[in-house]
Every structure is written in C-alpha cells, then in structure tokens.
C-alpha cells in the first residue's frame, strides 16, 4: 500500500530532530511532511498557518449552523427592544 505525501516538501525524522525550525521552515509557510522510513508519519506547519486553518474551519462550522437555521421561524424586534 502506497502513501501519498500531501505536501510539496518533506524531511526525515532525523532532519527534524537535528533542527526542528529549519525543517518546518523548509516548507516556506506550507505544510512539511515528516517521513519515517520514507512514509509520511505526520505533517508540520507554522503556527500562523495552523491559526488560519483553524479560523477557516470555524467559519465553515458557523456557516453550517447559519444554513441549518435559514427558513426557520423569525421574530421581528426593534433596536429599542434589544
């Protein structure tokens, strides 16, 4: 069974151990596949990229909630009532 590497750059676990920041930075902001015996073991990304991914996932979840509530009961209120 072959494993796809879902990143443009990769490093070995040995390279990651020697210099973790250089290994992660080699992806230039994109994910880096960390290989164990030439198979992807995990992916590393910079904190800024993780925050962006997390924000987008949160947006998808909120959009799903909003879409599920469309067409439901509405209640009209004025600003004074708030």
Protein backbone atom coordinates (compact mmCIF):
# COMPACT_ATOMS: atom_id res chain seq x y z
CA UNK A 1 0.00 0.00 0.00
CA UNK A 2 1.46 3.34 -1.01
CA UNK A 3 1.10 6.52 0.96
CA UNK A 4 0.51 9.85 -0.73
CA UNK A 5 2.56 12.76 0.50
CA UNK A 6 0.22 15.72 0.75
CA UNK A 7 2.93 18.38 0.87
CA UNK A 8 5.41 19.88 -1.55
CA UNK A 9 8.32 19.43 0.85
CA UNK A 10 9.35 16.68 3.18
CA UNK A 11 12.01 15.94 5.79
CA UNK A 12 13.06 12.83 7.62
CA UNK A 13 12.52 12.45 11.34
CA UNK A 14 16.32 12.61 11.72
CA UNK A 15 16.40 16.01 9.99
CA UNK A 16 13.53 17.20 12.19
CA UNK A 17 15.41 16.14 15.34
CA UNK A 18 18.61 17.90 14.25
CA UNK A 19 17.00 21.27 13.57
CA UNK A 20 13.21 21.43 14.05
CA UNK A 21 12.76 25.05 12.99
CA UNK A 22 14.83 24.63 9.83
CA UNK A 23 12.80 21.55 8.92
CA UNK A 24 9.47 23.33 9.37
CA UNK A 25 10.74 26.49 7.67
CA UNK A 26 11.76 24.47 4.62
CA UNK A 27 8.07 24.46 3.66
CA UNK A 28 8.14 28.26 3.34
CA UNK A 29 4.82 28.56 5.16
CA UNK A 30 3.27 25.44 3.68
CA UNK A 31 2.97 22.03 5.34
CA UNK A 32 6.04 19.80 5.55
CA UNK A 33 5.65 16.02 5.56
CA UNK A 34 7.79 14.30 8.17
CA UNK A 35 8.82 10.89 6.89
CA UNK A 36 9.56 7.75 8.84
CA UNK A 37 11.06 5.01 6.66
CA UNK A 38 10.05 7.05 3.57
CA UNK A 39 6.37 7.12 4.60
CA UNK A 40 4.59 10.20 5.93
CA UNK A 41 4.32 9.98 9.72
CA UNK A 42 2.87 13.45 10.29
CA UNK A 43 2.79 16.98 8.91
CA UNK A 44 4.28 20.13 10.44
CA UNK A 45 3.00 23.62 9.81
CA UNK A 46 3.89 27.00 11.25
CA UNK A 47 1.66 28.43 13.98
CA UNK A 48 0.33 31.18 11.66
CA UNK A 49 -0.80 28.57 9.14
CA UNK A 50 -2.49 26.48 11.85
CA UNK A 51 -4.36 29.56 13.12
CA UNK A 52 -5.57 30.31 9.59
CA UNK A 53 -6.75 26.71 9.11
CA UNK A 54 -8.50 26.75 12.48
CA UNK A 55 -10.24 30.06 11.67
CA UNK A 56 -11.47 28.70 8.35
CA UNK A 57 -12.77 25.51 9.94
CA UNK A 58 -14.62 27.61 12.49
CA UNK A 59 -16.12 29.70 9.67
CA UNK A 60 -17.31 26.51 7.92
CA UNK A 61 -18.95 25.32 11.12
CA UNK A 62 -20.67 28.68 11.69
CA UNK A 63 -21.88 28.75 8.07
CA UNK A 64 -23.32 25.27 8.54
CA UNK A 65 -25.20 26.40 11.64
CA UNK A 66 -26.49 29.51 9.87
CA UNK A 67 -27.61 27.48 6.82
CA UNK A 68 -29.45 24.99 9.01
CA UNK A 69 -31.39 27.85 10.60
CA UNK A 70 -32.38 29.52 7.33
CA UNK A 71 -36.09 29.36 6.61
CA UNK A 72 -36.89 28.84 10.27
CA UNK A 73 -39.07 30.96 12.49
CA UNK A 74 -38.20 34.65 12.56
CA UNK A 75 -39.03 37.18 15.24
CA UNK A 76 -39.11 40.87 14.42
CA UNK A 77 -37.67 43.20 17.04
CA UNK A 78 -36.76 46.86 17.08
CA UNK A 79 -33.47 48.23 18.30
CA UNK A 80 -35.26 49.71 21.31
CA UNK A 81 -36.36 46.23 22.37
CA UNK A 82 -32.81 44.98 22.43
